[in-house]
Amino acid sequence: PKAQQRDQEEENVGFRRDYRLGQSARSPLHIIEEPTKENALQSISKLETHSFVFVKRSDGKWTYAVLAFRSLESFSKNSTTEDEDGKGVVEECMTFVMSDSGASKVIRKKHWAEFVRCVSMEGAPPRKSASGDGAATRGEILVHDLKVEMKQANAQGTSSISKKKKSLVPKKVSVPSNFRDDFSVISNVSVVKPSV
């Protein structure tokens, strides 16, 4: 079931393995900025349920979200949107899931071009493993991310890579207590035994 869910997610527009719901955009290259408001509205209007996007939060940050559903909402005459008779109007809305905990945000059509951006796949980690036999491993994703970062650093003439390399080395490795390992890669050959 989890593999099936993973395959299904990867088919959805804008799905990136390197983002979790609610995570802020790490690079402006991951967000598609349309040249005009009309172009943005046209792209956003084509989104289907379960498409992944970046949504602008009230603090101005763009966060990774998924379109849960579309709806028609009625807004009262106290709303800023009124028809000529002073009555409320019905407007198309999109509801986005903003976090793993299920927080959601409803955005009215008149605000789509301002608060919703499509996801760019530029710099996205591979979806399939190098051998082609399934999903990319965490190691393959980390190697890909490091290569992308090195390429960006070379282009900018900076070197933040040494910090990144250090962060790739795990500080702790844990193994479930019921894990049975007959082929350990850790050897006791180099263990120095205390002399008695």
C-alpha atoms as a PDB file:
ATOM      1  CA  PRO A   1       0.000   0.000   0.000  1.00  0.00           C
ATOM      2  CA  LYS A   2       2.793   2.522   0.816  1.00  0.00           C
ATOM      3  CA  ALA A   3       4.571   1.843  -2.493  1.00  0.00           C
ATOM      4  CA  GLN A   4       1.259   2.260  -4.298  1.00  0.00           C
ATOM      5  CA  GLN A   5       0.646   5.579  -2.482  1.00  0.00           C
ATOM      6  CA  ARG A   6       4.194   6.752  -3.358  1.00  0.00           C
ATOM      7  CA  ASP A   7       3.652   5.909  -7.052  1.00  0.00           C
ATOM      8  CA  GLN A   8       0.321   7.724  -7.006  1.00  0.00           C
ATOM      9  CA  GLU A   9       1.854  10.853  -5.389  1.00  0.00           C
ATOM     10  CA  GLU A  10       4.619  10.960  -7.986  1.00  0.00           C
ATOM     11  CA  GLU A  11       2.031  11.110 -10.760  1.00  0.00           C
ATOM     12  CA  ASN A  12       0.475  14.261  -9.292  1.00  0.00           C
ATOM     13  CA  VAL A  13       1.425  17.614 -10.824  1.00  0.00           C
ATOM     14  CA  GLY A  14       4.108  19.427  -8.850  1.00  0.00           C
ATOM     15  CA  PHE A  15       5.034  16.513  -6.589  1.00  0.00           C
ATOM     16  CA  ARG A  16       8.616  16.811  -5.318  1.00  0.00           C
ATOM     17  CA  ARG A  17      10.210  14.132  -3.122  1.00  0.00           C
ATOM     18  CA  ASP A  18      12.414  16.761  -1.512  1.00  0.00           C
ATOM     19  CA  TYR A  19       9.517  18.723   0.046  1.00  0.00           C
ATOM     20  CA  ARG A  20       7.020  17.977   2.796  1.00  0.00           C
ATOM     21  CA  LEU A  21       3.682  19.717   3.192  1.00  0.00           C
ATOM     22  CA  GLY A  22       4.118  23.037   4.991  1.00  0.00           C
ATOM     23  CA  GLN A  23       7.815  23.338   4.179  1.00  0.00           C
ATOM     24  CA  SER A  24       8.984  26.758   2.958  1.00  0.00           C
ATOM     25  CA  ALA A  25      10.419  27.028  -0.539  1.00  0.00           C
ATOM     26  CA  ARG A  26      14.194  26.620  -0.320  1.00  0.00           C
ATOM     27  CA  SER A  27      14.904  28.300  -3.644  1.00  0.00           C
ATOM     28  CA  PRO A  28      13.056  30.731  -5.905  1.00  0.00           C
ATOM     29  CA  LEU A  29      13.912  28.299  -8.715  1.00  0.00           C
ATOM     30  CA  HIS A  30      11.404  25.831  -7.224  1.00  0.00           C
ATOM     31  CA  ILE A  31       8.526  28.287  -7.792  1.00  0.00           C
ATOM     32  CA  ILE A  32       7.178  29.106 -11.247  1.00  0.00           C
ATOM     33  CA  GLU A  33       6.739  32.870 -11.552  1.00  0.00           C
ATOM     34  CA  GLU A  34       4.474  33.661 -14.475  1.00  0.00           C
ATOM     35  CA  PRO A  35       5.222  36.891 -16.397  1.00  0.00           C
ATOM     36  CA  THR A  36       1.697  38.290 -15.957  1.00  0.00           C
ATOM     37  CA  LYS A  37      -1.194  37.926 -13.544  1.00  0.00           C
ATOM     38  CA  GLU A  38      -3.330  36.590 -16.408  1.00  0.00           C
ATOM     39  CA  ASN A  39      -0.789  33.850 -17.201  1.00  0.00           C
ATOM     40  CA  ALA A  40      -0.627  32.921 -13.508  1.00  0.00           C
ATOM     41  CA  LEU A  41      -4.422  32.691 -13.269  1.00  0.00           C
ATOM     42  CA  GLN A  42      -4.542  30.564 -16.425  1.00  0.00           C
ATOM     43  CA  SER A  43      -1.942  28.084 -15.039  1.00  0.00           C
ATOM     44  CA  ILE A  44      -3.594  27.911 -11.631  1.00  0.00           C
ATOM     45  CA  SER A  45      -7.056  27.409 -13.145  1.00  0.00           C
ATOM     46  CA  LYS A  46      -5.802  24.186 -14.769  1.00  0.00           C
ATOM     47  CA  LEU A  47      -4.803  22.617 -11.441  1.00  0.00           C
ATOM     48  CA  GLU A  48      -6.579  19.419 -10.513  1.00  0.00           C
ATOM     49  CA  THR A  49      -7.253  17.845  -7.134  1.00  0.00           C
ATOM     50  CA  HIS A  50      -4.024  16.561  -5.553  1.00  0.00           C
ATOM     51  CA  SER A  51      -1.800  18.935  -7.535  1.00  0.00           C
ATOM     52  CA  PHE A  52       1.100  20.261  -5.462  1.00  0.00           C
ATOM     53  CA  VAL A  53       1.743  24.007  -5.333  1.00  0.00           C
ATOM     54  CA  PHE A  54       3.343  26.730  -3.268  1.00  0.00           C
ATOM     55  CA  VAL A  55       0.915  28.905  -1.316  1.00  0.00           C
ATOM     56  CA  LYS A  56       1.833  32.310   0.073  1.00  0.00           C
ATOM     57  CA  ARG A  57       1.332  32.448   3.838  1.00  0.00           C
ATOM     58  CA  SER A  58       0.373  35.527   5.831  1.00  0.00           C
ATOM     59  CA  ASP A  59       4.051  35.917   6.841  1.00  0.00           C
ATOM     60  CA  GLY A  60       4.988  36.200   3.130  1.00  0.00           C
ATOM     61  CA  LYS A  61       6.681  32.787   2.888  1.00  0.00           C
ATOM     62  CA  TRP A  62       5.806  30.371   0.099  1.00  0.00           C
ATOM     63  CA  THR A  63       5.005  26.926   1.514  1.00  0.00           C
ATOM     64  CA  TYR A  64       4.487  23.571  -0.169  1.00  0.00           C
ATOM     65  CA  ALA A  65       0.835  22.498  -0.201  1.00  0.00           C
ATOM     66  CA  VAL A  66      -1.582  20.216  -2.038  1.00  0.00           C
ATOM     67  CA  LEU A  67      -4.922  21.107  -3.603  1.00  0.00           C
ATOM     68  CA  ALA A  68      -7.549  19.173  -1.638  1.00  0.00           C
ATOM     69  CA  PHE A  69     -10.631  20.302  -3.558  1.00  0.00           C
ATOM     70  CA  ARG A  70     -12.406  23.120  -5.394  1.00  0.00           C
ATOM     71  CA  SER A  71     -15.715  24.546  -4.302  1.00  0.00           C
ATOM     72  CA  LEU A  72     -18.196  27.327  -4.905  1.00  0.00           C
ATOM     73  CA  GLU A  73     -18.541  29.487  -1.813  1.00  0.00           C
ATOM     74  CA  SER A  74     -21.144  32.101  -1.077  1.00  0.00           C
ATOM     75  CA  PHE A  75     -19.878  35.334   0.415  1.00  0.00           C
ATOM     76  CA  SER A  76     -22.235  37.640   2.292  1.00  0.00           C
ATOM     77  CA  LYS A  77     -22.830  41.262   1.485  1.00  0.00           C
ATOM     78  CA  ASN A  78     -20.524  42.150   4.385  1.00  0.00           C
ATOM     79  CA  SER A  79     -17.778  40.652   2.263  1.00  0.00           C
ATOM     80  CA  THR A  80     -15.627  42.804   0.020  1.00  0.00           C
ATOM     81  CA  THR A  81     -17.183  41.075  -3.005  1.00  0.00           C
ATOM     82  CA  GLU A  82     -20.733  42.224  -3.711  1.00  0.00           C
ATOM     83  CA  ASP A  83     -22.840  42.184  -6.800  1.00  0.00           C
ATOM     84  CA  GLU A  84     -24.718  45.222  -8.110  1.00  0.00           C
ATOM     85  CA  ASP A  85     -27.742  44.529  -5.856  1.00  0.00           C
ATOM     86  CA  GLY A  86     -25.564  44.626  -2.743  1.00  0.00           C
ATOM     87  CA  LYS A  87     -26.139  40.907  -2.181  1.00  0.00           C
ATOM     88  CA  GLY A  88     -23.435  38.347  -1.645  1.00  0.00           C
ATOM     89  CA  VAL A  89     -21.864  36.508  -4.535  1.00  0.00           C
ATOM     90  CA  VAL A  90     -20.772  32.974  -5.257  1.00  0.00           C
ATOM     91  CA  GLU A  91     -17.087  32.584  -6.044  1.00  0.00           C
ATOM     92  CA  GLU A  92     -14.932  29.594  -6.951  1.00  0.00           C
ATOM     93  CA  CYS A  93     -12.407  28.683  -4.259  1.00  0.00           C
ATOM     94  CA  MET A  94      -9.560  26.229  -3.813  1.00  0.00           C
ATOM     95  CA  THR A  95      -8.854  24.524  -0.498  1.00  0.00           C
ATOM     96  CA  PHE A  96      -5.239  23.554   0.121  1.00  0.00           C
ATOM     97  CA  VAL A  97      -3.817  21.222   2.756  1.00  0.00           C
ATOM     98  CA  MET A  98      -0.907  23.168   4.213  1.00  0.00           C
ATOM     99  CA  SER A  99       0.709  20.662   6.598  1.00  0.00           C
ATOM    100  CA  ASP A 100       0.966  17.011   7.580  1.00  0.00           C
ATOM    101  CA  SER A 101      -1.362  17.771  10.494  1.00  0.00           C
ATOM    102  CA  GLY A 102      -4.135  18.730   8.052  1.00  0.00           C
ATOM    103  CA  ALA A 103      -4.124  22.527   8.409  1.00  0.00           C
ATOM    104  CA  SER A 104      -5.933  24.024   5.432  1.00  0.00           C
ATOM    105  CA  LYS A 105      -6.320  27.332   3.654  1.00  0.00           C
ATOM    106  CA  VAL A 106      -9.162  28.426   1.377  1.00  0.00           C
ATOM    107  CA  ILE A 107      -8.240  30.862  -1.398  1.00  0.00           C
ATOM    108  CA  ARG A 108     -10.845  32.685  -3.442  1.00  0.00           C
ATOM    109  CA  LYS A 109     -10.422  32.884  -7.222  1.00  0.00           C
ATOM    110  CA  LYS A 110      -9.796  36.618  -7.133  1.00  0.00           C
ATOM    111  CA  HIS A 111      -6.655  35.895  -5.037  1.00  0.00           C
ATOM    112  CA  TRP A 112      -5.285  32.846  -6.893  1.00  0.00           C
ATOM    113  CA  ALA A 113      -2.744  34.785  -8.984  1.00  0.00           C
ATOM    114  CA  GLU A 114      -1.410  36.495  -5.861  1.00  0.00           C
ATOM    115  CA  PHE A 115      -1.276  33.567  -3.421  1.00  0.00           C
ATOM    116  CA  VAL A 116      -0.755  30.381  -5.489  1.00  0.00           C
ATOM    117  CA  ARG A 117       2.280  29.354  -7.555  1.00  0.00           C
ATOM    118  CA  CYS A 118       2.908  26.220  -9.560  1.00  0.00           C
ATOM    119  CA  VAL A 119       5.898  24.059  -8.633  1.00  0.00           C
ATOM    120  CA  SER A 120       9.001  23.945 -10.807  1.00  0.00           C
ATOM    121  CA  MET A 121      10.732  20.593 -11.120  1.00  0.00           C
ATOM    122  CA  GLU A 122      14.112  22.299 -11.607  1.00  0.00           C
ATOM    123  CA  GLY A 123      16.633  20.778  -9.226  1.00  0.00           C
ATOM    124  CA  ALA A 124      14.175  18.098  -8.105  1.00  0.00           C
ATOM    125  CA  PRO A 125      15.735  14.807  -7.034  1.00  0.00           C
ATOM    126  CA  PRO A 126      15.253  11.780  -9.261  1.00  0.00           C
ATOM    127  CA  ARG A 127      11.950   9.958  -8.932  1.00  0.00           C
ATOM    128  CA  LYS A 128      13.382   6.589  -9.899  1.00  0.00           C
ATOM    129  CA  SER A 129      16.525   4.851  -8.721  1.00  0.00           C
ATOM    130  CA  ALA A 130      19.636   4.900 -10.892  1.00  0.00           C
ATOM    131  CA  SER A 131      19.117   1.192 -11.601  1.00  0.00           C
ATOM    132  CA  GLY A 132      15.536   1.894 -12.668  1.00  0.00           C
ATOM    133  CA  ASP A 133      14.087  -0.753 -10.354  1.00  0.00           C
ATOM    134  CA  GLY A 134      12.042   1.465  -8.064  1.00  0.00           C
ATOM    135  CA  ALA A 135      12.000   4.726  -6.159  1.00  0.00           C
ATOM    136  CA  ALA A 136      15.249   6.587  -5.641  1.00  0.00           C
ATOM    137  CA  THR A 137      16.940   5.828  -2.346  1.00  0.00           C
ATOM    138  CA  ARG A 138      17.566   8.504   0.264  1.00  0.00           C
ATOM    139  CA  GLY A 139      21.268   8.231  -0.592  1.00  0.00           C
ATOM    140  CA  GLU A 140      20.608   8.879  -4.292  1.00  0.00           C
ATOM    141  CA  ILE A 141      18.523  11.919  -3.369  1.00  0.00           C
ATOM    142  CA  LEU A 142      21.273  13.277  -1.077  1.00  0.00           C
ATOM    143  CA  VAL A 143      23.913  12.767  -3.773  1.00  0.00           C
ATOM    144  CA  HIS A 144      21.666  14.511  -6.311  1.00  0.00           C
ATOM    145  CA  ASP A 145      21.072  17.440  -3.930  1.00  0.00           C
ATOM    146  CA  LEU A 146      24.804  17.754  -3.276  1.00  0.00           C
ATOM    147  CA  LYS A 147      25.561  17.799  -7.018  1.00  0.00           C
ATOM    148  CA  VAL A 148      22.917  20.505  -7.573  1.00  0.00           C
ATOM    149  CA  GLU A 149      24.314  22.560  -4.717  1.00  0.00           C
ATOM    150  CA  MET A 150      27.881  22.194  -6.008  1.00  0.00           C
ATOM    151  CA  LYS A 151      26.752  23.309  -9.457  1.00  0.00           C
ATOM    152  CA  GLN A 152      25.015  26.367  -7.947  1.00  0.00           C
ATOM    153  CA  ALA A 153      28.047  27.183  -5.779  1.00  0.00           C
ATOM    154  CA  ASN A 154      30.375  26.977  -8.779  1.00  0.00           C
ATOM    155  CA  ALA A 155      28.076  29.246 -10.780  1.00  0.00           C
ATOM    156  CA  GLN A 156      27.993  31.779  -7.918  1.00  0.00           C
ATOM    157  CA  GLY A 157      31.670  31.382  -7.072  1.00  0.00           C
ATOM    158  CA  THR A 158      30.864  30.499  -3.447  1.00  0.00           C
ATOM    159  CA  SER A 159      31.630  27.445  -1.379  1.00  0.00           C
ATOM    160  CA  SER A 160      29.009  26.482   1.169  1.00  0.00           C
ATOM    161  CA  ILE A 161      29.510  22.883   0.133  1.00  0.00           C
ATOM    162  CA  SER A 162      31.935  21.922   2.910  1.00  0.00           C
ATOM    163  CA  LYS A 163      29.216  22.719   5.474  1.00  0.00           C
ATOM    164  CA  LYS A 164      26.735  20.618   3.501  1.00  0.00           C
ATOM    165  CA  LYS A 165      29.134  17.664   3.283  1.00  0.00           C
ATOM    166  CA  LYS A 166      29.485  17.693   7.060  1.00  0.00           C
ATOM    167  CA  SER A 167      25.716  17.680   7.476  1.00  0.00           C
ATOM    168  CA  LEU A 168      25.453  14.568   5.279  1.00  0.00           C
ATOM    169  CA  VAL A 169      27.440  12.501   7.770  1.00  0.00           C
ATOM    170  CA  PRO A 170      24.980  10.959  10.236  1.00  0.00           C
ATOM    171  CA  LYS A 171      25.621  11.670  13.905  1.00  0.00           C
ATOM    172  CA  LYS A 172      23.660   8.614  15.007  1.00  0.00           C
ATOM    173  CA  VAL A 173      22.469   5.394  13.405  1.00  0.00           C
ATOM    174  CA  SER A 174      19.608   3.532  15.014  1.00  0.00           C
ATOM    175  CA  VAL A 175      18.369   0.047  14.232  1.00  0.00           C
ATOM    176  CA  PRO A 176      15.043  -1.406  15.393  1.00  0.00           C
ATOM    177  CA  SER A 177      15.461  -3.914  18.246  1.00  0.00           C
ATOM    178  CA  ASN A 178      13.817  -6.673  16.188  1.00  0.00           C
ATOM    179  CA  PHE A 179      16.229  -6.135  13.270  1.00  0.00           C
ATOM    180  CA  ARG A 180      18.145  -9.305  12.329  1.00  0.00           C
ATOM    181  CA  ASP A 181      21.365  -8.658  10.467  1.00  0.00           C
ATOM    182  CA  ASP A 182      23.307 -11.691   9.289  1.00  0.00           C
ATOM    183  CA  PHE A 183      25.522  -9.651   6.976  1.00  0.00           C
ATOM    184  CA  SER A 184      26.797  -6.745   9.026  1.00  0.00           C
ATOM    185  CA  VAL A 185      28.936  -4.165   7.276  1.00  0.00           C
ATOM    186  CA  ILE A 186      30.525  -3.172  10.573  1.00  0.00           C
ATOM    187  CA  SER A 187      33.606  -5.158  11.334  1.00  0.00           C
ATOM    188  CA  ASN A 188      35.172  -5.802  14.718  1.00  0.00           C
ATOM    189  CA  VAL A 189      38.622  -6.252  13.154  1.00  0.00           C
ATOM    190  CA  SER A 190      39.735  -2.755  14.108  1.00  0.00           C
ATOM    191  CA  VAL A 191      38.378  -2.899  17.639  1.00  0.00           C
ATOM    192  CA  VAL A 192      41.183  -2.628  20.175  1.00  0.00           C
ATOM    193  CA  LYS A 193      40.585  -4.875  23.146  1.00  0.00           C
ATOM    194  CA  PRO A 194      41.809  -3.544  26.470  1.00  0.00           C
ATOM    195  CA  SER A 195      44.714  -5.460  27.916  1.00  0.00           C
ATOM    196  CA  VAL A 196      44.221  -7.084  31.277  1.00  0.00           C
END
